[in-house]
Amino acid sequence: MSENLDTLKQRIHRFAEERDWDQFHSPKNLSMALIAEAAELVEHFQWLTEDQSSTLAPEKLKEVEAELADIFIYLLRISDKLGVDLLDAADAKIELNEQKYPADKVRGSAKKYTEYD
């Protein structure tokens, strides 16, 4: 885990500890909170066109930024509770996806890997 990510993880851990919230931060509860925040993010894009979703007004972008931060914080907290190194996990997942989705077979297609020969 990079130093910055590890530092943030520790800061989030201290934040919860100082408030005696660790008792509520089970992986189950944190995953439910994460999905609730993800739903709040989705609300900002609901009913927008593709172009509108890429060109948010500054005030809307600030709101989206806050939702992304909430999601990131909960994700980091879950990984901390479970002892998962997110950078290692993401690297392993990208390697797996490179095998499932070879660029020469999937370029420009949104099909799932099970739909390729």
N, C-alpha and C. Protein backbone atom coordinates (compact mmCIF):
# COMPACT_ATOMS: atom_id res chain seq x y z
N MET A 1 0.86 -1.18 0.00
CA MET A 1 0.00 0.00 0.00
C MET A 1 0.90 1.23 0.00
N SER A 2 0.60 2.18 -0.84
CA SER A 2 1.45 3.37 -0.88
C SER A 2 1.37 4.12 0.44
N GLU A 3 2.40 4.89 0.72
CA GLU A 3 2.46 5.62 1.99
C GLU A 3 1.25 6.52 2.16
N ASN A 4 0.84 7.21 1.10
CA ASN A 4 -0.32 8.10 1.21
C ASN A 4 -1.60 7.34 1.51
N LEU A 5 -1.79 6.21 0.85
CA LEU A 5 -2.98 5.41 1.10
C LEU A 5 -2.95 4.82 2.51
N ASP A 6 -1.80 4.37 2.94
CA ASP A 6 -1.67 3.83 4.29
C ASP A 6 -1.91 4.92 5.34
N THR A 7 -1.40 6.11 5.09
CA THR A 7 -1.60 7.23 6.00
C THR A 7 -3.09 7.57 6.11
N LEU A 8 -3.77 7.57 4.99
CA LEU A 8 -5.21 7.85 4.99
C LEU A 8 -5.96 6.76 5.75
N LYS A 9 -5.59 5.51 5.51
CA LYS A 9 -6.23 4.39 6.22
C LYS A 9 -6.07 4.56 7.73
N GLN A 10 -4.89 4.92 8.16
CA GLN A 10 -4.64 5.14 9.60
C GLN A 10 -5.45 6.31 10.13
N ARG A 11 -5.55 7.37 9.35
CA ARG A 11 -6.34 8.54 9.77
C ARG A 11 -7.81 8.17 9.94
N ILE A 12 -8.34 7.40 9.01
CA ILE A 12 -9.74 6.95 9.09
C ILE A 12 -9.92 6.05 10.31
N HIS A 13 -8.95 5.18 10.55
CA HIS A 13 -9.00 4.29 11.72
C HIS A 13 -9.04 5.12 13.01
N ARG A 14 -8.16 6.12 13.12
CA ARG A 14 -8.14 6.99 14.31
C ARG A 14 -9.46 7.75 14.45
N PHE A 15 -9.99 8.24 13.35
CA PHE A 15 -11.26 8.98 13.37
C PHE A 15 -12.36 8.12 14.00
N ALA A 16 -12.46 6.88 13.56
CA ALA A 16 -13.49 5.97 14.11
C ALA A 16 -13.20 5.62 15.56
N GLU A 17 -11.93 5.37 15.86
CA GLU A 17 -11.54 5.00 17.22
C GLU A 17 -11.83 6.12 18.21
N GLU A 18 -11.51 7.36 17.86
CA GLU A 18 -11.73 8.50 18.76
C GLU A 18 -13.22 8.71 19.06
N ARG A 19 -14.07 8.24 18.20
CA ARG A 19 -15.51 8.41 18.38
C ARG A 19 -16.19 7.13 18.91
N ASP A 20 -15.38 6.11 19.18
CA ASP A 20 -15.88 4.81 19.62
C ASP A 20 -16.86 4.22 18.61
N TRP A 21 -16.55 4.40 17.33
CA TRP A 21 -17.40 3.87 16.26
C TRP A 21 -16.91 2.52 15.75
N ASP A 22 -15.72 2.11 16.18
CA ASP A 22 -15.19 0.85 15.69
C ASP A 22 -16.15 -0.30 15.97
N GLN A 23 -16.88 -0.20 17.06
CA GLN A 23 -17.85 -1.24 17.42
C GLN A 23 -18.94 -1.42 16.36
N PHE A 24 -19.18 -0.38 15.57
CA PHE A 24 -20.21 -0.44 14.53
C PHE A 24 -19.63 -0.79 13.16
N HIS A 25 -18.30 -0.77 13.05
CA HIS A 25 -17.65 -0.92 11.76
C HIS A 25 -17.30 -2.37 11.43
N SER A 26 -18.30 -3.21 11.42
CA SER A 26 -18.09 -4.58 10.95
C SER A 26 -18.03 -4.52 9.41
N PRO A 27 -17.40 -5.51 8.79
CA PRO A 27 -17.41 -5.53 7.33
C PRO A 27 -18.84 -5.49 6.75
N LYS A 28 -19.77 -6.15 7.42
CA LYS A 28 -21.17 -6.14 6.95
C LYS A 28 -21.73 -4.73 6.98
N ASN A 29 -21.59 -4.05 8.11
CA ASN A 29 -22.15 -2.70 8.23
C ASN A 29 -21.45 -1.72 7.29
N LEU A 30 -20.14 -1.85 7.18
CA LEU A 30 -19.40 -0.95 6.30
C LEU A 30 -19.76 -1.17 4.84
N SER A 31 -19.97 -2.42 4.45
CA SER A 31 -20.36 -2.69 3.06
C SER A 31 -21.75 -2.14 2.77
N MET A 32 -22.63 -2.19 3.75
CA MET A 32 -23.97 -1.62 3.57
C MET A 32 -23.89 -0.09 3.45
N ALA A 33 -23.04 0.53 4.27
CA ALA A 33 -22.85 1.97 4.18
C ALA A 33 -22.23 2.36 2.85
N LEU A 34 -21.29 1.56 2.37
CA LEU A 34 -20.66 1.83 1.08
C LEU A 34 -21.69 1.81 -0.04
N ILE A 35 -22.55 0.82 -0.04
CA ILE A 35 -23.54 0.71 -1.12
C ILE A 35 -24.56 1.85 -1.04
N ALA A 36 -24.87 2.31 0.16
CA ALA A 36 -25.77 3.46 0.31
C ALA A 36 -25.13 4.71 -0.28
N GLU A 37 -23.83 4.88 -0.05
CA GLU A 37 -23.13 6.03 -0.62
C GLU A 37 -23.03 5.91 -2.13
N ALA A 38 -22.83 4.70 -2.63
CA ALA A 38 -22.80 4.49 -4.08
C ALA A 38 -24.15 4.86 -4.70
N ALA A 39 -25.23 4.55 -4.01
CA ALA A 39 -26.56 4.93 -4.50
C ALA A 39 -26.71 6.45 -4.54
N GLU A 40 -26.14 7.13 -3.55
CA GLU A 40 -26.19 8.60 -3.54
C GLU A 40 -25.40 9.16 -4.72
N LEU A 41 -24.31 8.51 -5.07
CA LEU A 41 -23.55 8.93 -6.26
C LEU A 41 -24.39 8.76 -7.52
N VAL A 42 -25.04 7.63 -7.64
CA VAL A 42 -25.87 7.34 -8.81
C VAL A 42 -26.97 8.39 -8.99
N GLU A 43 -27.53 8.84 -7.88
CA GLU A 43 -28.60 9.85 -7.96
C GLU A 43 -28.16 11.11 -8.71
N HIS A 44 -26.89 11.46 -8.60
CA HIS A 44 -26.40 12.66 -9.28
C HIS A 44 -26.40 12.50 -10.80
N PHE A 45 -26.35 11.27 -11.27
CA PHE A 45 -26.27 11.01 -12.71
C PHE A 45 -27.58 10.52 -13.31
N GLN A 46 -28.53 10.19 -12.43
CA GLN A 46 -29.81 9.68 -12.91
C GLN A 46 -30.46 10.71 -13.83
N TRP A 47 -30.90 10.25 -14.97
CA TRP A 47 -31.61 11.04 -15.97
C TRP A 47 -30.73 11.97 -16.79
N LEU A 48 -29.44 11.99 -16.55
CA LEU A 48 -28.56 12.81 -17.38
C LEU A 48 -28.21 12.05 -18.66
N THR A 49 -27.93 12.80 -19.70
CA THR A 49 -27.43 12.17 -20.92
C THR A 49 -25.96 11.82 -20.70
N GLU A 50 -25.39 11.06 -21.63
CA GLU A 50 -23.96 10.73 -21.54
C GLU A 50 -23.12 12.01 -21.50
N ASP A 51 -23.44 12.96 -22.38
CA ASP A 51 -22.68 14.21 -22.41
C ASP A 51 -22.84 15.00 -21.12
N GLN A 52 -24.05 15.10 -20.62
CA GLN A 52 -24.29 15.85 -19.38
C GLN A 52 -23.52 15.23 -18.21
N SER A 53 -23.43 13.89 -18.20
CA SER A 53 -22.73 13.22 -17.09
C SER A 53 -21.23 13.47 -17.13
N SER A 54 -20.72 13.87 -18.28
CA SER A 54 -19.29 14.16 -18.41
C SER A 54 -18.94 15.62 -18.23
N THR A 55 -19.96 16.47 -18.19
CA THR A 55 -19.72 17.92 -18.08
C THR A 55 -20.58 18.50 -16.96
N LEU A 56 -20.31 18.09 -15.76
CA LEU A 56 -21.09 18.54 -14.61
C LEU A 56 -20.74 19.99 -14.27
N ALA A 57 -21.75 20.71 -13.82
CA ALA A 57 -21.52 22.07 -13.33
C ALA A 57 -20.63 21.99 -12.09
N PRO A 58 -19.86 23.05 -11.84
CA PRO A 58 -18.92 23.01 -10.71
C PRO A 58 -19.55 22.63 -9.37
N GLU A 59 -20.73 23.16 -9.07
CA GLU A 59 -21.36 22.83 -7.79
C GLU A 59 -21.80 21.36 -7.74
N LYS A 60 -22.26 20.83 -8.87
CA LYS A 60 -22.65 19.42 -8.94
C LYS A 60 -21.41 18.53 -8.83
N LEU A 61 -20.33 18.94 -9.46
CA LEU A 61 -19.08 18.19 -9.39
C LEU A 61 -18.59 18.11 -7.94
N LYS A 62 -18.73 19.19 -7.19
CA LYS A 62 -18.34 19.19 -5.77
C LYS A 62 -19.16 18.17 -4.99
N GLU A 63 -20.45 18.08 -5.27
CA GLU A 63 -21.31 17.10 -4.60
C GLU A 63 -20.89 15.68 -4.97
N VAL A 64 -20.60 15.46 -6.24
CA VAL A 64 -20.15 14.14 -6.70
C VAL A 64 -18.82 13.79 -6.04
N GLU A 65 -17.94 14.77 -5.94
CA GLU A 65 -16.65 14.56 -5.28
C GLU A 65 -16.83 14.09 -3.84
N ALA A 66 -17.78 14.68 -3.14
CA ALA A 66 -18.04 14.29 -1.75
C ALA A 66 -18.55 12.86 -1.67
N GLU A 67 -19.41 12.47 -2.60
CA GLU A 67 -19.92 11.09 -2.61
C GLU A 67 -18.80 10.11 -2.93
N LEU A 68 -17.93 10.46 -3.88
CA LEU A 68 -16.80 9.59 -4.20
C LEU A 68 -15.89 9.43 -2.99
N ALA A 69 -15.69 10.50 -2.25
CA ALA A 69 -14.87 10.43 -1.04
C ALA A 69 -15.51 9.51 -0.01
N ASP A 70 -16.81 9.62 0.18
CA ASP A 70 -17.50 8.73 1.13
C ASP A 70 -17.31 7.27 0.73
N ILE A 71 -17.47 6.98 -0.55
CA ILE A 71 -17.31 5.62 -1.04
C ILE A 71 -15.88 5.13 -0.79
N PHE A 72 -14.92 5.98 -1.11
CA PHE A 72 -13.51 5.64 -0.94
C PHE A 72 -13.18 5.38 0.53
N ILE A 73 -13.70 6.21 1.40
CA ILE A 73 -13.46 6.05 2.84
C ILE A 73 -14.02 4.73 3.35
N TYR A 74 -15.25 4.42 2.98
CA TYR A 74 -15.83 3.15 3.41
C TYR A 74 -15.07 1.97 2.82
N LEU A 75 -14.65 2.07 1.57
CA LEU A 75 -13.89 1.00 0.95
C LEU A 75 -12.56 0.78 1.68
N LEU A 76 -11.89 1.87 2.00
CA LEU A 76 -10.64 1.77 2.75
C LEU A 76 -10.86 1.16 4.12
N ARG A 77 -11.94 1.55 4.76
CA ARG A 77 -12.24 1.05 6.11
C ARG A 77 -12.52 -0.46 6.08
N ILE A 78 -13.27 -0.91 5.07
CA ILE A 78 -13.54 -2.34 4.94
C ILE A 78 -12.24 -3.10 4.72
N SER A 79 -11.40 -2.57 3.83
CA SER A 79 -10.13 -3.26 3.55
C SER A 79 -9.27 -3.31 4.81
N ASP A 80 -9.30 -2.26 5.60
CA ASP A 80 -8.54 -2.24 6.85
C ASP A 80 -9.06 -3.31 7.81
N LYS A 81 -10.36 -3.38 7.95
CA LYS A 81 -10.96 -4.36 8.87
C LYS A 81 -10.66 -5.80 8.44
N LEU A 82 -10.56 -6.03 7.14
CA LEU A 82 -10.34 -7.39 6.63
C LEU A 82 -8.87 -7.69 6.33
N GLY A 83 -8.01 -6.69 6.48
CA GLY A 83 -6.60 -6.90 6.19
C GLY A 83 -6.29 -7.07 4.72
N VAL A 84 -7.08 -6.42 3.87
CA VAL A 84 -6.88 -6.51 2.42
C VAL A 84 -6.07 -5.30 1.96
N ASP A 85 -5.00 -5.55 1.23
CA ASP A 85 -4.22 -4.48 0.62
C ASP A 85 -4.90 -4.16 -0.72
N LEU A 86 -5.55 -3.02 -0.79
CA LEU A 86 -6.33 -2.68 -1.98
C LEU A 86 -5.47 -2.55 -3.23
N LEU A 87 -4.27 -2.02 -3.10
CA LEU A 87 -3.41 -1.88 -4.28
C LEU A 87 -3.01 -3.26 -4.80
N ASP A 88 -2.67 -4.18 -3.92
CA ASP A 88 -2.34 -5.54 -4.35
C ASP A 88 -3.56 -6.22 -4.96
N ALA A 89 -4.72 -6.05 -4.32
CA ALA A 89 -5.95 -6.67 -4.82
C ALA A 89 -6.32 -6.12 -6.19
N ALA A 90 -6.18 -4.80 -6.37
CA ALA A 90 -6.50 -4.19 -7.66
C ALA A 90 -5.52 -4.67 -8.73
N ASP A 91 -4.26 -4.77 -8.40
CA ASP A 91 -3.26 -5.25 -9.34
C ASP A 91 -3.57 -6.68 -9.78
N ALA A 92 -3.92 -7.54 -8.82
CA ALA A 92 -4.27 -8.93 -9.14
C ALA A 92 -5.52 -8.99 -10.01
N LYS A 93 -6.48 -8.13 -9.72
CA LYS A 93 -7.73 -8.12 -10.49
C LYS A 93 -7.49 -7.64 -11.92
N ILE A 94 -6.64 -6.64 -12.09
CA ILE A 94 -6.32 -6.17 -13.43
C ILE A 94 -5.62 -7.26 -14.23
N GLU A 95 -4.71 -7.98 -13.58
CA GLU A 95 -4.04 -9.10 -14.26
C GLU A 95 -5.05 -10.15 -14.70
N LEU A 96 -6.01 -10.47 -13.85
CA LEU A 96 -7.06 -11.42 -14.20
C LEU A 96 -7.90 -10.91 -15.36
N ASN A 97 -8.26 -9.62 -15.31
CA ASN A 97 -9.06 -9.03 -16.39
C ASN A 97 -8.30 -9.00 -17.71
N GLU A 98 -6.98 -8.83 -17.64
CA GLU A 98 -6.18 -8.87 -18.87
C GLU A 98 -6.26 -10.24 -19.52
N GLN A 99 -6.36 -11.29 -18.70
CA GLN A 99 -6.50 -12.64 -19.23
C GLN A 99 -7.91 -12.88 -19.77
N LYS A 100 -8.91 -12.40 -19.03
CA LYS A 100 -10.31 -12.59 -19.44
C LYS A 100 -10.66 -11.78 -20.69
N TYR A 101 -10.04 -10.60 -20.80
CA TYR A 101 -10.37 -9.68 -21.88
C TYR A 101 -9.12 -9.31 -22.68
N PRO A 102 -8.61 -10.24 -23.50
CA PRO A 102 -7.43 -9.92 -24.31
C PRO A 102 -7.76 -8.79 -25.29
N ALA A 103 -6.89 -7.79 -25.33
CA ALA A 103 -7.15 -6.59 -26.13
C ALA A 103 -7.44 -6.92 -27.58
N ASP A 104 -6.75 -7.90 -28.14
CA ASP A 104 -6.95 -8.22 -29.55
C ASP A 104 -8.32 -8.83 -29.82
N LYS A 105 -8.99 -9.36 -28.81
CA LYS A 105 -10.32 -9.96 -28.99
C LYS A 105 -11.46 -9.01 -28.62
N VAL A 106 -11.22 -8.11 -27.70
CA VAL A 106 -12.32 -7.34 -27.13
C VAL A 106 -12.34 -5.86 -27.51
N ARG A 107 -11.33 -5.40 -28.20
CA ARG A 107 -11.22 -3.98 -28.51
C ARG A 107 -12.53 -3.43 -29.10
N GLY A 108 -13.07 -2.40 -28.45
CA GLY A 108 -14.27 -1.73 -28.94
C GLY A 108 -15.57 -2.45 -28.65
N SER A 109 -15.54 -3.50 -27.85
CA SER A 109 -16.75 -4.27 -27.55
C SER A 109 -17.03 -4.24 -26.05
N ALA A 110 -18.30 -4.23 -25.70
CA ALA A 110 -18.70 -4.23 -24.30
C ALA A 110 -19.22 -5.60 -23.85
N LYS A 111 -18.98 -6.63 -24.65
CA LYS A 111 -19.44 -7.97 -24.28
C LYS A 111 -18.73 -8.46 -23.03
N LYS A 112 -19.41 -9.35 -22.31
CA LYS A 112 -18.81 -9.98 -21.14
C LYS A 112 -17.84 -11.07 -21.63
N TYR A 113 -16.84 -11.36 -20.81
CA TYR A 113 -15.81 -12.32 -21.21
C TYR A 113 -16.36 -13.70 -21.58
N THR A 114 -17.51 -14.07 -21.02
CA THR A 114 -18.11 -15.37 -21.32
C THR A 114 -18.72 -15.40 -22.72
N GLU A 115 -18.84 -14.25 -23.37
CA GLU A 115 -19.44 -14.19 -24.69
C GLU A 115 -18.40 -14.26 -25.82
N TYR A 116 -17.13 -14.38 -25.47
CA TYR A 116 -16.07 -14.46 -26.47
C TYR A 116 -15.70 -15.91 -26.70
N ASP A 117 -15.15 -16.20 -27.89
CA ASP A 117 -14.71 -17.56 -28.20
C ASP A 117 -13.52 -17.92 -27.38
